[in-house]
Protein backbone atom coordinates (compact mmCIF):
# COMPACT_ATOMS: atom_id res chain seq x y z
CA UNK A 1 30.91 -77.78 3.27
CA UNK A 2 34.50 -77.80 1.52
CA UNK A 3 37.14 -75.07 2.51
CA UNK A 4 36.50 -72.96 -0.56
CA UNK A 5 32.76 -72.93 0.13
CA UNK A 6 33.51 -71.89 3.68
CA UNK A 7 35.87 -69.13 2.53
CA UNK A 8 33.33 -67.98 -0.16
CA UNK A 9 30.57 -67.83 2.70
CA UNK A 10 32.98 -65.75 4.95
CA UNK A 11 33.80 -63.58 2.13
CA UNK A 12 30.11 -62.83 1.36
CA UNK A 13 29.24 -62.40 4.74
CA UNK A 14 32.18 -59.96 5.45
CA UNK A 15 31.40 -58.08 2.41
CA UNK A 16 27.78 -57.82 3.45
CA UNK A 17 28.69 -56.78 6.73
CA UNK A 18 30.89 -54.09 5.59
CA UNK A 19 28.31 -52.87 2.98
CA UNK A 20 25.75 -52.59 5.74
CA UNK A 21 28.32 -50.98 8.09
CA UNK A 22 28.97 -48.48 5.25
CA UNK A 23 25.32 -47.98 4.62
CA UNK A 24 24.72 -47.37 8.28
CA UNK A 25 27.65 -44.83 8.40
CA UNK A 26 26.12 -42.88 5.39
CA UNK A 27 22.90 -42.89 6.79
CA UNK A 28 24.19 -41.41 10.10
CA UNK A 29 26.21 -38.85 8.21
CA UNK A 30 23.13 -37.77 6.23
CA UNK A 31 20.88 -37.73 9.42
CA UNK A 32 23.63 -35.79 11.18
CA UNK A 33 24.04 -33.27 8.47
CA UNK A 34 20.09 -32.81 8.07
CA UNK A 35 19.97 -32.32 11.75
CA UNK A 36 22.81 -29.78 11.58
CA UNK A 37 21.09 -27.84 8.78
CA UNK A 38 17.86 -27.83 10.76
CA UNK A 39 19.74 -26.79 14.00
CA UNK A 40 21.59 -23.97 11.74
CA UNK A 41 18.20 -22.70 10.20
CA UNK A 42 16.29 -22.78 13.73
CA UNK A 43 19.41 -20.49 15.19
CA UNK A 44 19.10 -18.25 12.04
CA UNK A 45 15.31 -17.90 12.56
CA UNK A 46 15.65 -17.27 16.24
CA UNK A 47 18.30 -14.69 15.74
CA UNK A 48 15.96 -12.93 12.98
CA UNK A 49 13.15 -13.13 15.35
CA UNK A 50 15.37 -11.56 18.12
CA UNK A 51 16.55 -8.78 15.96
CA UNK A 52 12.87 -7.99 14.66
CA UNK A 53 11.88 -7.95 18.22
CA UNK A 54 14.47 -5.47 19.07
CA UNK A 55 13.39 -3.31 16.12
CA UNK A 56 9.84 -3.25 17.17
CA UNK A 57 10.64 -2.22 20.64
CA UNK A 58 13.08 0.74 19.40
CA UNK A 59 10.22 1.58 16.76
CA UNK A 60 7.47 1.65 19.60
CA UNK A 61 9.72 3.51 21.86
CA UNK A 62 10.48 6.12 19.16
CA UNK A 63 6.28 6.51 18.42
CA UNK A 64 5.83 6.74 22.52
CA UNK A 65 8.79 9.45 22.60
CA UNK A 66 7.23 11.34 19.51
CA UNK A 67 3.58 11.21 21.05
CA UNK A 68 5.03 12.77 24.06
CA UNK A 69 6.95 15.68 22.26
CA UNK A 70 3.56 16.24 20.31
CA UNK A 71 1.85 16.60 23.36
CA UNK A 72 4.27 18.68 24.82
CA UNK A 73 4.35 20.95 21.93
CA UNK A 74 0.59 21.16 21.37
CA UNK A 75 -0.35 21.67 25.21
CA UNK A 76 2.87 23.59 26.54
CA UNK A 77 4.25 25.71 23.88
CA UNK A 78 1.16 26.15 21.78
CA UNK A 79 -1.04 27.27 24.58
CA UNK A 80 1.90 29.63 25.53
CA UNK A 81 1.66 31.05 22.01
CA UNK A 82 -2.00 31.74 22.32
CA UNK A 83 -1.76 33.28 25.46
CA UNK A 84 0.96 35.74 24.08
CA UNK A 85 -1.22 36.33 21.12
CA UNK A 86 -4.18 37.31 23.39
CA UNK A 87 -1.98 39.42 25.70
CA UNK A 88 -0.84 41.47 22.61
CA UNK A 89 -4.46 42.90 22.30
CA UNK A 90 -3.99 44.97 25.60
CA UNK A 91 -0.35 46.34 25.03
CA UNK A 92 -0.19 49.59 23.35
CA UNK A 93 1.86 49.74 20.54
CA UNK A 94 2.06 51.17 16.88
CA UNK A 95 -0.67 49.49 14.63
CA UNK A 96 2.34 48.11 12.12
CA UNK A 97 4.36 46.91 14.95
CA UNK A 98 1.30 44.83 16.67
CA UNK A 99 0.36 43.43 13.23
CA UNK A 100 3.86 42.14 12.57
CA UNK A 101 4.19 40.62 16.20
CA UNK A 102 0.84 38.98 15.69
CA UNK A 103 1.83 37.52 12.31
CA UNK A 104 5.06 36.34 13.60
CA UNK A 105 3.15 34.46 16.50
CA UNK A 106 0.75 32.94 13.63
CA UNK A 107 3.70 31.56 11.71
CA UNK A 108 5.22 30.18 14.65
CA UNK A 109 1.89 28.38 15.75
CA UNK A 110 1.63 26.99 12.36
CA UNK A 111 5.12 25.86 12.10
CA UNK A 112 4.52 24.23 15.55
CA UNK A 113 1.21 22.62 14.41
CA UNK A 114 3.06 21.01 11.42
CA UNK A 115 5.81 19.78 13.40
CA UNK A 116 3.44 18.24 16.02
CA UNK A 117 1.30 16.73 13.14
CA UNK A 118 4.36 15.22 11.58
CA UNK A 119 5.44 13.74 15.05
CA UNK A 120 2.08 12.17 15.69
CA UNK A 121 -0.59 13.01 12.87
CA UNK A 122 -4.07 13.40 14.77
CA UNK A 123 -5.85 13.17 11.48
CA UNK A 124 -4.70 9.51 11.44
CA UNK A 125 -6.84 9.03 14.67
CA UNK A 126 -9.45 11.23 13.68
CA UNK A 127 -10.32 10.40 10.15
CA UNK A 128 -7.89 7.50 9.17
CA UNK A 129 -5.25 6.56 6.77
CA UNK A 130 -6.45 7.72 3.46
CA UNK A 131 -7.45 11.22 4.54
CA UNK A 132 -3.66 11.57 6.39
CA UNK A 133 -2.13 10.20 3.40
CA UNK A 134 -3.96 12.82 1.00
CA UNK A 135 -3.04 15.67 3.44
CA UNK A 136 0.44 14.37 3.69
CA UNK A 137 0.77 14.57 -0.39
CA UNK A 138 -1.07 17.92 -0.33
CA UNK A 139 1.36 19.22 2.16
CA UNK A 140 4.42 17.57 0.24
CA UNK A 141 3.22 19.24 -2.97
CA UNK A 142 3.21 22.70 -1.43
CA UNK A 143 6.58 22.42 0.41
CA UNK A 144 8.60 20.57 -2.20
CA UNK A 145 9.47 21.05 -5.88
CA UNK A 146 8.35 17.59 -6.79
CA UNK A 147 4.99 16.94 -8.32
CA UNK A 148 2.78 14.49 -6.20
CA UNK A 149 -0.42 12.65 -7.14
CA UNK A 150 -2.76 10.02 -5.64
CA UNK A 151 -5.28 7.99 -7.48
CA UNK A 152 -6.99 5.55 -5.50
CA UNK A 153 -8.72 2.74 -7.06
CA UNK A 154 -11.06 2.04 -4.06
CA UNK A 155 -14.60 2.07 -4.07
CA UNK A 156 -14.85 2.80 -0.51
CA UNK A 157 -12.08 3.47 2.21
CA UNK A 158 -10.90 0.78 4.01
CA UNK A 159 -11.08 0.43 7.66
CA UNK A 160 -7.58 -0.44 8.87
CA UNK A 161 -6.71 -0.92 12.57
CA UNK A 162 -4.58 1.67 14.48
CA UNK A 163 -1.57 -0.31 13.99
CA UNK A 164 -2.02 -0.96 10.32
CA UNK A 165 -2.78 2.68 9.78
CA UNK A 166 0.21 3.92 11.44
CA UNK A 167 2.45 1.18 9.80
CA UNK A 168 1.24 2.28 6.47
CA UNK A 169 1.57 6.14 7.17
CA UNK A 170 4.83 5.93 8.41
CA UNK A 171 6.27 3.61 5.69
CA UNK A 172 4.78 6.27 3.13
CA UNK A 173 6.53 8.94 5.05
CA UNK A 174 9.71 7.25 4.86
CA UNK A 175 9.51 6.50 1.11
CA UNK A 176 8.44 9.96 0.27
CA UNK A 177 11.47 11.51 2.41
CA UNK A 178 13.81 8.88 0.74
CA UNK A 179 12.63 9.90 -3.04
CA UNK A 180 12.77 13.68 -1.87
CA UNK A 181 16.65 13.37 -0.56
CA UNK A 182 17.91 10.76 -3.10
CA UNK A 183 16.01 9.98 -6.17
CA UNK A 184 16.41 13.41 -8.20
CA UNK A 185 12.76 12.72 -9.27
CA UNK A 186 10.32 15.15 -10.85
CA UNK A 187 7.11 13.25 -10.26
CA UNK A 188 5.55 10.97 -7.76
CA UNK A 189 2.60 9.03 -8.39
CA UNK A 190 0.75 7.04 -5.46
CA UNK A 191 -1.58 4.51 -6.68
CA UNK A 192 -3.87 1.81 -4.37
CA UNK A 193 -6.06 -1.16 -5.20
CA UNK A 194 -7.64 -4.01 -3.73
CA UNK A 195 -6.79 -7.61 -5.30
CA UNK A 196 -7.37 -11.35 -4.30
CA UNK A 197 -8.08 -9.92 -0.66
CA UNK A 198 -5.15 -7.82 -0.46
CA UNK A 199 -4.51 -4.02 -0.05
CA UNK A 200 -1.64 -2.75 -2.70
CA UNK A 201 -0.21 0.51 -2.23
CA UNK A 202 2.20 1.48 -5.24
CA UNK A 203 4.61 4.83 -4.77
CA UNK A 204 6.69 5.23 -8.17
CA UNK A 205 8.66 7.92 -9.14
CA UNK A 206 11.02 8.96 -12.19
CA UNK A 207 13.98 9.32 -10.24
CA UNK A 208 17.47 7.58 -10.41
CA UNK A 209 16.23 4.15 -9.66
CA UNK A 210 16.61 2.26 -6.40
CA UNK A 211 16.42 -1.36 -5.63
CA UNK A 212 18.07 -2.50 -2.37
CA UNK A 213 19.89 -5.67 -2.14
CA UNK A 214 19.87 -8.14 0.86
CA UNK A 215 23.51 -6.98 1.43
CA UNK A 216 22.39 -3.04 1.49
CA UNK A 217 19.53 -4.03 3.68
CA UNK A 218 21.99 -5.56 6.22
CA UNK A 219 24.30 -2.32 6.25
CA UNK A 220 24.42 -0.58 9.70
CA UNK A 221 23.41 2.74 8.11
CA UNK A 222 20.32 1.40 6.19
CA UNK A 223 18.10 2.11 9.62
CA UNK A 224 15.27 3.74 7.30
CA UNK A 225 15.07 0.61 5.02
CA UNK A 226 15.35 -1.73 7.93
CA UNK A 227 12.42 0.25 9.79
CA UNK A 228 10.29 0.07 6.74
CA UNK A 229 10.51 -3.60 6.48
CA UNK A 230 10.10 -3.96 10.15
CA UNK A 231 6.82 -1.92 10.21
CA UNK A 232 5.32 -3.67 7.42
CA UNK A 233 6.23 -7.25 9.16
CA UNK A 234 4.73 -6.07 12.44
CA UNK A 235 1.20 -6.14 10.48
CA UNK A 236 1.96 -9.15 8.24
CA UNK A 237 2.81 -7.01 5.25
CA UNK A 238 5.41 -7.08 2.72
CA UNK A 239 7.14 -4.55 0.46
CA UNK A 240 9.40 -4.77 -2.79
CA UNK A 241 11.39 -2.47 -4.85
CA UNK A 242 11.04 -2.72 -8.75
CA UNK A 243 13.16 -0.84 -11.36
CA UNK A 244 11.23 0.83 -13.91
CA UNK A 245 12.02 1.74 -17.58
CA UNK A 246 13.37 3.99 -18.83
CA UNK A 247 13.98 5.31 -15.16
CA UNK A 248 12.42 5.30 -11.82
CA UNK A 249 11.40 3.23 -8.84
CA UNK A 250 8.14 1.54 -8.12
CA UNK A 251 7.67 0.56 -4.09
CA UNK A 252 4.77 -1.81 -3.90
CA UNK A 253 3.35 -2.20 -0.25
CA UNK A 254 1.30 -5.55 0.12
CA UNK A 255 -1.19 -5.90 2.98
CA UNK A 256 -3.49 -8.81 3.91
CA UNK A 257 -7.05 -7.82 4.81
CA UNK A 258 -8.22 -9.56 7.85
CA UNK A 259 -11.72 -7.87 7.39
CA UNK A 260 -14.49 -7.79 4.78
CA UNK A 261 -13.79 -4.85 2.42
CA UNK A 262 -15.17 -3.89 -0.89
């Protein structure tokens, strides 16, 4: 082999080696970046999971405290008011004065029962989510200026678990409170249905319209929105906000049914 051919072979081998080395470098960088993206994604997922667990713990702690306060109100103050009412029977006083005191005790007892029920609705355990929702809507119609309506698209009520029922009830409460405080609405329509093995609960109003962005959900003062999202995540449910035309908002709650329902 002459000298020119040897040089050509060396150049070809050198070029091939450089191309191969460059290919290895590109492959290494690609694999490194992919691994870094995977690690970053895993860290984000771990952080979200950690935040969710913290929120779940806070919600559970709040529920336990509300149960305790509800029991104290019912068993302690409620019993004391009943005893006071009974003791008035034997106390000599004018009829009008006695009747006025008796009515005041009745009013306080009713307020106490309402507050206790809001803290931990006994109807939720006794009769389930749907009866509790109907009662809540009836109370809101009586106590607010808004017109609430509930139209169920279910043939028969569903038998939700206690965890599911509580999550749906608390989320509904929070949404109703947000509408009352911020929406400047006149009417609120509540509807539900079953579709493709999932339960849908729609709460719509004719107010200002509200569709929170991811940035708004992350704000420190958006505890209500975070709690709503967390409660639905606890029962593998979702929630979305849709702006309506010409105005208003629909909040759509979606919950997968894990049992046979009609």
